[in-house]
Amino acid sequence: MAQSLAQVYLHLVFSTKERWPFFQDKAVVQETHCYLGGTCTKLGCPVIRVGGVADHVQILFRFGRTISIADLMQELKRESSK
């Protein structure tokens, strides 16, 4: 029987409130990137790379089959505001 496989990769970019340059301290950047990467992985979307600059974050990940994009975004934005 034939088998098909699909892998969807998403590149997510979101900014800080009012584009405030919050990510200037390397310790804050590293902790935030690890936290967002862990949250994404817990939601079934394995992270490939987390990065960004002073006023935004970028996440490249493989999209999981158990969550919608809207739910993933809602959870990441909720978690990142803590």
PDB file of N, CA and C in Angstrom:
ATOM      1  N   MET A   1       0.846  -1.174   0.000  1.00  0.00           N
ATOM      2  CA  MET A   1       0.000   0.000   0.000  1.00  0.00           C
ATOM      3  C   MET A   1       0.894   1.242   0.000  1.00  0.00           C
ATOM      4  N   ALA A   2       0.519   2.213  -0.780  1.00  0.00           N
ATOM      5  CA  ALA A   2       1.301   3.454  -0.881  1.00  0.00           C
ATOM      6  C   ALA A   2       1.197   4.262   0.407  1.00  0.00           C
ATOM      7  N   GLN A   3       2.259   4.951   0.715  1.00  0.00           N
ATOM      8  CA  GLN A   3       2.294   5.772   1.910  1.00  0.00           C
ATOM      9  C   GLN A   3       2.745   7.175   1.511  1.00  0.00           C
ATOM     10  N   SER A   4       2.134   8.167   2.107  1.00  0.00           N
ATOM     11  CA  SER A   4       2.556   9.538   1.821  1.00  0.00           C
ATOM     12  C   SER A   4       3.032  10.196   3.107  1.00  0.00           C
ATOM     13  N   LEU A   5       3.910  11.142   2.946  1.00  0.00           N
ATOM     14  CA  LEU A   5       4.479  11.844   4.083  1.00  0.00           C
ATOM     15  C   LEU A   5       4.521  13.328   3.743  1.00  0.00           C
ATOM     16  N   ALA A   6       4.056  14.127   4.641  1.00  0.00           N
ATOM     17  CA  ALA A   6       4.116  15.573   4.460  1.00  0.00           C
ATOM     18  C   ALA A   6       4.748  16.198   5.695  1.00  0.00           C
ATOM     19  N   GLN A   7       5.657  17.115   5.481  1.00  0.00           N
ATOM     20  CA  GLN A   7       6.258  17.871   6.569  1.00  0.00           C
ATOM     21  C   GLN A   7       6.095  19.338   6.235  1.00  0.00           C
ATOM     22  N   VAL A   8       5.470  20.059   7.135  1.00  0.00           N
ATOM     23  CA  VAL A   8       5.230  21.478   6.939  1.00  0.00           C
ATOM     24  C   VAL A   8       6.130  22.247   7.902  1.00  0.00           C
ATOM     25  N   TYR A   9       6.903  23.156   7.361  1.00  0.00           N
ATOM     26  CA  TYR A   9       7.783  23.993   8.163  1.00  0.00           C
ATOM     27  C   TYR A   9       7.221  25.410   8.179  1.00  0.00           C
ATOM     28  N   LEU A  10       7.214  26.026   9.344  1.00  0.00           N
ATOM     29  CA  LEU A  10       6.719  27.387   9.481  1.00  0.00           C
ATOM     30  C   LEU A  10       7.823  28.287  10.018  1.00  0.00           C
ATOM     31  N   HIS A  11       7.856  29.486   9.500  1.00  0.00           N
ATOM     32  CA  HIS A  11       8.774  30.518   9.975  1.00  0.00           C
ATOM     33  C   HIS A  11       7.903  31.593  10.599  1.00  0.00           C
ATOM     34  N   LEU A  12       7.930  31.659  11.906  1.00  0.00           N
ATOM     35  CA  LEU A  12       7.078  32.557  12.670  1.00  0.00           C
ATOM     36  C   LEU A  12       7.884  33.777  13.107  1.00  0.00           C
ATOM     37  N   VAL A  13       7.333  34.957  12.892  1.00  0.00           N
ATOM     38  CA  VAL A  13       7.978  36.194  13.315  1.00  0.00           C
ATOM     39  C   VAL A  13       6.952  37.006  14.090  1.00  0.00           C
ATOM     40  N   PHE A  14       7.291  37.400  15.313  1.00  0.00           N
ATOM     41  CA  PHE A  14       6.429  38.331  16.026  1.00  0.00           C
ATOM     42  C   PHE A  14       7.272  39.306  16.828  1.00  0.00           C
ATOM     43  N   SER A  15       6.736  40.525  16.985  1.00  0.00           N
ATOM     44  CA  SER A  15       7.510  41.602  17.593  1.00  0.00           C
ATOM     45  C   SER A  15       7.071  41.861  19.025  1.00  0.00           C
ATOM     46  N   THR A  16       7.897  42.623  19.718  1.00  0.00           N
ATOM     47  CA  THR A  16       7.566  43.046  21.070  1.00  0.00           C
ATOM     48  C   THR A  16       6.503  44.143  21.001  1.00  0.00           C
ATOM     49  N   LYS A  17       5.870  44.398  22.109  1.00  0.00           N
ATOM     50  CA  LYS A  17       4.840  45.430  22.154  1.00  0.00           C
ATOM     51  C   LYS A  17       5.449  46.789  21.793  1.00  0.00           C
ATOM     52  N   GLU A  18       4.815  47.446  20.855  1.00  0.00           N
ATOM     53  CA  GLU A  18       5.244  48.757  20.353  1.00  0.00           C
ATOM     54  C   GLU A  18       6.669  48.727  19.805  1.00  0.00           C
ATOM     55  N   ARG A  19       7.115  47.549  19.379  1.00  0.00           N
ATOM     56  CA  ARG A  19       8.457  47.335  18.821  1.00  0.00           C
ATOM     57  C   ARG A  19       9.561  47.826  19.763  1.00  0.00           C
ATOM     58  N   TRP A  20       9.289  47.727  21.070  1.00  0.00           N
ATOM     59  CA  TRP A  20      10.258  48.151  22.060  1.00  0.00           C
ATOM     60  C   TRP A  20      11.445  47.200  22.031  1.00  0.00           C
ATOM     61  N   PRO A  21      12.693  47.689  22.000  1.00  0.00           N
ATOM     62  CA  PRO A  21      13.875  46.816  21.889  1.00  0.00           C
ATOM     63  C   PRO A  21      14.200  46.094  23.205  1.00  0.00           C
ATOM     64  N   PHE A  22      13.372  45.142  23.548  1.00  0.00           N
ATOM     65  CA  PHE A  22      13.479  44.415  24.811  1.00  0.00           C
ATOM     66  C   PHE A  22      14.657  43.443  24.829  1.00  0.00           C
ATOM     67  N   PHE A  23      14.991  42.882  23.687  1.00  0.00           N
ATOM     68  CA  PHE A  23      16.009  41.823  23.616  1.00  0.00           C
ATOM     69  C   PHE A  23      17.387  42.394  23.321  1.00  0.00           C
ATOM     70  N   GLN A  24      17.973  43.075  24.295  1.00  0.00           N
ATOM     71  CA  GLN A  24      19.324  43.598  24.131  1.00  0.00           C
ATOM     72  C   GLN A  24      20.314  42.888  25.046  1.00  0.00           C
ATOM     73  N   ASP A  25      19.846  42.422  26.177  1.00  0.00           N
ATOM     74  CA  ASP A  25      20.693  41.689  27.118  1.00  0.00           C
ATOM     75  C   ASP A  25      20.790  40.229  26.672  1.00  0.00           C
ATOM     76  N   LYS A  26      22.012  39.722  26.506  1.00  0.00           N
ATOM     77  CA  LYS A  26      22.204  38.353  26.002  1.00  0.00           C
ATOM     78  C   LYS A  26      21.565  37.296  26.892  1.00  0.00           C
ATOM     79  N   ALA A  27      21.563  37.510  28.195  1.00  0.00           N
ATOM     80  CA  ALA A  27      20.952  36.540  29.109  1.00  0.00           C
ATOM     81  C   ALA A  27      19.440  36.485  28.897  1.00  0.00           C
ATOM     82  N   VAL A  28      18.811  37.628  28.717  1.00  0.00           N
ATOM     83  CA  VAL A  28      17.365  37.673  28.459  1.00  0.00           C
ATOM     84  C   VAL A  28      17.041  37.016  27.130  1.00  0.00           C
ATOM     85  N   VAL A  29      17.858  37.295  26.127  1.00  0.00           N
ATOM     86  CA  VAL A  29      17.650  36.702  24.799  1.00  0.00           C
ATOM     87  C   VAL A  29      17.727  35.188  24.876  1.00  0.00           C
ATOM     88  N   GLN A  30      18.773  34.671  25.501  1.00  0.00           N
ATOM     89  CA  GLN A  30      18.956  33.218  25.578  1.00  0.00           C
ATOM     90  C   GLN A  30      17.821  32.556  26.354  1.00  0.00           C
ATOM     91  N   GLU A  31      17.452  33.126  27.479  1.00  0.00           N
ATOM     92  CA  GLU A  31      16.379  32.551  28.284  1.00  0.00           C
ATOM     93  C   GLU A  31      15.039  32.570  27.537  1.00  0.00           C
ATOM     94  N   THR A  32      14.753  33.668  26.872  1.00  0.00           N
ATOM     95  CA  THR A  32      13.496  33.782  26.119  1.00  0.00           C
ATOM     96  C   THR A  32      13.459  32.801  24.956  1.00  0.00           C
ATOM     97  N   HIS A  33      14.555  32.694  24.218  1.00  0.00           N
ATOM     98  CA  HIS A  33      14.596  31.767  23.088  1.00  0.00           C
ATOM     99  C   HIS A  33      14.433  30.320  23.555  1.00  0.00           C
ATOM    100  N   CYS A  34      15.101  29.965  24.638  1.00  0.00           N
ATOM    101  CA  CYS A  34      14.953  28.604  25.182  1.00  0.00           C
ATOM    102  C   CYS A  34      13.521  28.347  25.646  1.00  0.00           C
ATOM    103  N   TYR A  35      12.932  29.325  26.288  1.00  0.00           N
ATOM    104  CA  TYR A  35      11.564  29.187  26.790  1.00  0.00           C
ATOM    105  C   TYR A  35      10.572  29.004  25.644  1.00  0.00           C
ATOM    106  N   LEU A  36      10.692  29.843  24.611  1.00  0.00           N
ATOM    107  CA  LEU A  36       9.787  29.733  23.462  1.00  0.00           C
ATOM    108  C   LEU A  36      10.015  28.426  22.702  1.00  0.00           C
ATOM    109  N   GLY A  37      11.265  28.027  22.566  1.00  0.00           N
ATOM    110  CA  GLY A  37      11.565  26.761  21.904  1.00  0.00           C
ATOM    111  C   GLY A  37      10.991  25.573  22.659  1.00  0.00           C
ATOM    112  N   GLY A  38      11.104  25.604  23.977  1.00  0.00           N
ATOM    113  CA  GLY A  38      10.534  24.538  24.796  1.00  0.00           C
ATOM    114  C   GLY A  38       9.019  24.499  24.722  1.00  0.00           C
ATOM    115  N   THR A  39       8.402  25.663  24.716  1.00  0.00           N
ATOM    116  CA  THR A  39       6.940  25.732  24.605  1.00  0.00           C
ATOM    117  C   THR A  39       6.481  25.168  23.273  1.00  0.00           C
ATOM    118  N   CYS A  40       7.164  25.539  22.220  1.00  0.00           N
ATOM    119  CA  CYS A  40       6.816  25.053  20.878  1.00  0.00           C
ATOM    120  C   CYS A  40       6.964  23.525  20.805  1.00  0.00           C
ATOM    121  N   THR A  41       8.036  23.014  21.355  1.00  0.00           N
ATOM    122  CA  THR A  41       8.275  21.566  21.350  1.00  0.00           C
ATOM    123  C   THR A  41       7.211  20.831  22.162  1.00  0.00           C
ATOM    124  N   LYS A  42       6.823  21.394  23.330  1.00  0.00           N
ATOM    125  CA  LYS A  42       5.778  20.769  24.150  1.00  0.00           C
ATOM    126  C   LYS A  42       4.443  20.699  23.411  1.00  0.00           C
ATOM    127  N   LEU A  43       4.224  21.615  22.484  1.00  0.00           N
ATOM    128  CA  LEU A  43       2.977  21.636  21.723  1.00  0.00           C
ATOM    129  C   LEU A  43       3.036  20.734  20.491  1.00  0.00           C
ATOM    130  N   GLY A  44       4.107  19.969  20.357  1.00  0.00           N
ATOM    131  CA  GLY A  44       4.213  19.001  19.266  1.00  0.00           C
ATOM    132  C   GLY A  44       4.798  19.578  17.992  1.00  0.00           C
ATOM    133  N   CYS A  45       5.504  20.700  18.096  1.00  0.00           N
ATOM    134  CA  CYS A  45       6.112  21.345  16.932  1.00  0.00           C
ATOM    135  C   CYS A  45       7.615  21.485  17.182  1.00  0.00           C
ATOM    136  N   PRO A  46       8.403  20.501  16.757  1.00  0.00           N
ATOM    137  CA  PRO A  46       9.844  20.525  17.027  1.00  0.00           C
ATOM    138  C   PRO A  46      10.533  21.747  16.413  1.00  0.00           C
ATOM    139  N   VAL A  47      11.324  22.416  17.216  1.00  0.00           N
ATOM    140  CA  VAL A  47      11.997  23.642  16.796  1.00  0.00           C
ATOM    141  C   VAL A  47      13.284  23.319  16.049  1.00  0.00           C
ATOM    142  N   ILE A  48      13.529  24.071  15.003  1.00  0.00           N
ATOM    143  CA  ILE A  48      14.777  23.959  14.263  1.00  0.00           C
ATOM    144  C   ILE A  48      15.714  25.088  14.665  1.00  0.00           C
ATOM    145  N   ARG A  49      15.186  26.303  14.764  1.00  0.00           N
ATOM    146  CA  ARG A  49      16.005  27.444  15.168  1.00  0.00           C
ATOM    147  C   ARG A  49      15.129  28.543  15.753  1.00  0.00           C
ATOM    148  N   VAL A  50      15.612  29.170  16.804  1.00  0.00           N
ATOM    149  CA  VAL A  50      14.973  30.345  17.395  1.00  0.00           C
ATOM    150  C   VAL A  50      15.988  31.473  17.336  1.00  0.00           C
ATOM    151  N   GLY A  51      15.560  32.639  16.895  1.00  0.00           N
ATOM    152  CA  GLY A  51      16.471  33.772  16.796  1.00  0.00           C
ATOM    153  C   GLY A  51      15.697  35.073  16.800  1.00  0.00           C
ATOM    154  N   GLY A  52      16.347  36.121  16.350  1.00  0.00           N
ATOM    155  CA  GLY A  52      15.697  37.411  16.277  1.00  0.00           C
ATOM    156  C   GLY A  52      16.675  38.531  16.558  1.00  0.00           C
ATOM    157  N   VAL A  53      16.134  39.724  16.685  1.00  0.00           N
ATOM    158  CA  VAL A  53      16.924  40.913  17.019  1.00  0.00           C
ATOM    159  C   VAL A  53      16.252  41.604  18.194  1.00  0.00           C
ATOM    160  N   ALA A  54      16.637  42.842  18.471  1.00  0.00           N
ATOM    161  CA  ALA A  54      16.199  43.540  19.684  1.00  0.00           C
ATOM    162  C   ALA A  54      14.689  43.682  19.818  1.00  0.00           C
ATOM    163  N   ASP A  55      13.964  43.757  18.706  1.00  0.00           N
ATOM    164  CA  ASP A  55      12.529  44.030  18.807  1.00  0.00           C
ATOM    165  C   ASP A  55      11.623  42.945  18.234  1.00  0.00           C
ATOM    166  N   HIS A  56      12.178  41.805  17.860  1.00  0.00           N
ATOM    167  CA  HIS A  56      11.314  40.709  17.411  1.00  0.00           C
ATOM    168  C   HIS A  56      12.003  39.352  17.553  1.00  0.00           C
ATOM    169  N   VAL A  57      11.172  38.320  17.522  1.00  0.00           N
ATOM    170  CA  VAL A  57      11.632  36.935  17.650  1.00  0.00           C
ATOM    171  C   VAL A  57      11.231  36.180  16.391  1.00  0.00           C
ATOM    172  N   GLN A  58      12.098  35.294  15.943  1.00  0.00           N
ATOM    173  CA  GLN A  58      11.801  34.427  14.808  1.00  0.00           C
ATOM    174  C   GLN A  58      11.973  32.980  15.255  1.00  0.00           C
ATOM    175  N   ILE A  59      11.022  32.142  14.843  1.00  0.00           N
ATOM    176  CA  ILE A  59      11.093  30.719  15.182  1.00  0.00           C
ATOM    177  C   ILE A  59      10.845  29.916  13.908  1.00  0.00           C
ATOM    178  N   LEU A  60      11.750  29.005  13.602  1.00  0.00           N
ATOM    179  CA  LEU A  60      11.563  28.062  12.502  1.00  0.00           C
ATOM    180  C   LEU A  60      11.293  26.708  13.136  1.00  0.00           C
ATOM    181  N   PHE A  61      10.172  26.100  12.787  1.00  0.00           N
ATOM    182  CA  PHE A  61       9.813  24.831  13.395  1.00  0.00           C
ATOM    183  C   PHE A  61       9.028  23.975  12.413  1.00  0.00           C
ATOM    184  N   ARG A  62       8.985  22.674  12.732  1.00  0.00           N
ATOM    185  CA  ARG A  62       8.177  21.746  11.946  1.00  0.00           C
ATOM    186  C   ARG A  62       6.789  21.701  12.576  1.00  0.00           C
ATOM    187  N   PHE A  63       5.798  21.977  11.777  1.00  0.00           N
ATOM    188  CA  PHE A  63       4.425  22.066  12.259  1.00  0.00           C
ATOM    189  C   PHE A  63       3.884  20.680  12.592  1.00  0.00           C
ATOM    190  N   GLY A  64       3.329  20.540  13.794  1.00  0.00           N
ATOM    191  CA  GLY A  64       2.776  19.265  14.245  1.00  0.00           C
ATOM    192  C   GLY A  64       1.373  19.017  13.713  1.00  0.00           C
ATOM    193  N   ARG A  65       0.914  17.808  13.879  1.00  0.00           N
ATOM    194  CA  ARG A  65      -0.412  17.420  13.365  1.00  0.00           C
ATOM    195  C   ARG A  65      -1.521  17.563  14.394  1.00  0.00           C
ATOM    196  N   THR A  66      -1.180  17.891  15.624  1.00  0.00           N
ATOM    197  CA  THR A  66      -2.181  17.872  16.691  1.00  0.00           C
ATOM    198  C   THR A  66      -2.680  19.255  17.097  1.00  0.00           C
ATOM    199  N   ILE A  67      -2.225  20.311  16.431  1.00  0.00           N
ATOM    200  CA  ILE A  67      -2.585  21.665  16.834  1.00  0.00           C
ATOM    201  C   ILE A  67      -2.782  22.524  15.592  1.00  0.00           C
ATOM    202  N   SER A  68      -3.680  23.485  15.681  1.00  0.00           N
ATOM    203  CA  SER A  68      -3.878  24.407  14.559  1.00  0.00           C
ATOM    204  C   SER A  68      -2.886  25.560  14.672  1.00  0.00           C
ATOM    205  N   ILE A  69      -2.674  26.259  13.579  1.00  0.00           N
ATOM    206  CA  ILE A  69      -1.759  27.399  13.599  1.00  0.00           C
ATOM    207  C   ILE A  69      -2.267  28.462  14.564  1.00  0.00           C
ATOM    208  N   ALA A  70      -3.571  28.712  14.551  1.00  0.00           N
ATOM    209  CA  ALA A  70      -4.150  29.728  15.447  1.00  0.00           C
ATOM    210  C   ALA A  70      -3.932  29.365  16.909  1.00  0.00           C
ATOM    211  N   ASP A  71      -4.138  28.103  17.260  1.00  0.00           N
ATOM    212  CA  ASP A  71      -3.939  27.674  18.654  1.00  0.00           C
ATOM    213  C   ASP A  71      -2.464  27.746  19.053  1.00  0.00           C
ATOM    214  N   LEU A  72      -1.587  27.374  18.136  1.00  0.00           N
ATOM    215  CA  LEU A  72      -0.154  27.453  18.407  1.00  0.00           C
ATOM    216  C   LEU A  72       0.265  28.906  18.649  1.00  0.00           C
ATOM    217  N   MET A  73      -0.174  29.806  17.783  1.00  0.00           N
ATOM    218  CA  MET A  73       0.159  31.229  17.937  1.00  0.00           C
ATOM    219  C   MET A  73      -0.388  31.781  19.252  1.00  0.00           C
ATOM    220  N   GLN A  74      -1.621  31.423  19.565  1.00  0.00           N
ATOM    221  CA  GLN A  74      -2.235  31.908  20.802  1.00  0.00           C
ATOM    222  C   GLN A  74      -1.423  31.462  22.020  1.00  0.00           C
ATOM    223  N   GLU A  75      -1.013  30.213  22.011  1.00  0.00           N
ATOM    224  CA  GLU A  75      -0.250  29.690  23.148  1.00  0.00           C
ATOM    225  C   GLU A  75       1.142  30.317  23.226  1.00  0.00           C
ATOM    226  N   LEU A  76       1.818  30.467  22.099  1.00  0.00           N
ATOM    227  CA  LEU A  76       3.149  31.078  22.102  1.00  0.00           C
ATOM    228  C   LEU A  76       3.096  32.527  22.544  1.00  0.00           C
ATOM    229  N   LYS A  77       2.114  33.284  22.067  1.00  0.00           N
ATOM    230  CA  LYS A  77       1.990  34.676  22.473  1.00  0.00           C
ATOM    231  C   LYS A  77       1.637  34.782  23.963  1.00  0.00           C
ATOM    232  N   ARG A  78       0.786  33.881  24.429  1.00  0.00           N
ATOM    233  CA  ARG A  78       0.415  33.883  25.848  1.00  0.00           C
ATOM    234  C   ARG A  78       1.635  33.570  26.708  1.00  0.00           C
ATOM    235  N   GLU A  79       2.367  32.558  26.326  1.00  0.00           N
ATOM    236  CA  GLU A  79       3.549  32.156  27.099  1.00  0.00           C
ATOM    237  C   GLU A  79       4.657  33.210  27.043  1.00  0.00           C
ATOM    238  N   SER A  80       4.806  33.862  25.909  1.00  0.00           N
ATOM    239  CA  SER A  80       5.889  34.838  25.770  1.00  0.00           C
ATOM    240  C   SER A  80       5.621  36.118  26.549  1.00  0.00           C
ATOM    241  N   SER A  81       4.383  36.360  26.905  1.00  0.00           N
ATOM    242  CA  SER A  81       4.067  37.588  27.640  1.00  0.00           C
ATOM    243  C   SER A  81       4.273  37.438  29.145  1.00  0.00           C
ATOM    244  N   LYS A  82       4.582  36.234  29.606  1.00  0.00           N
ATOM    245  CA  LYS A  82       4.785  36.005  31.046  1.00  0.00           C
ATOM    246  C   LYS A  82       6.089  36.603  31.513  1.00  0.00           C
TER     247      LYS A  82
END
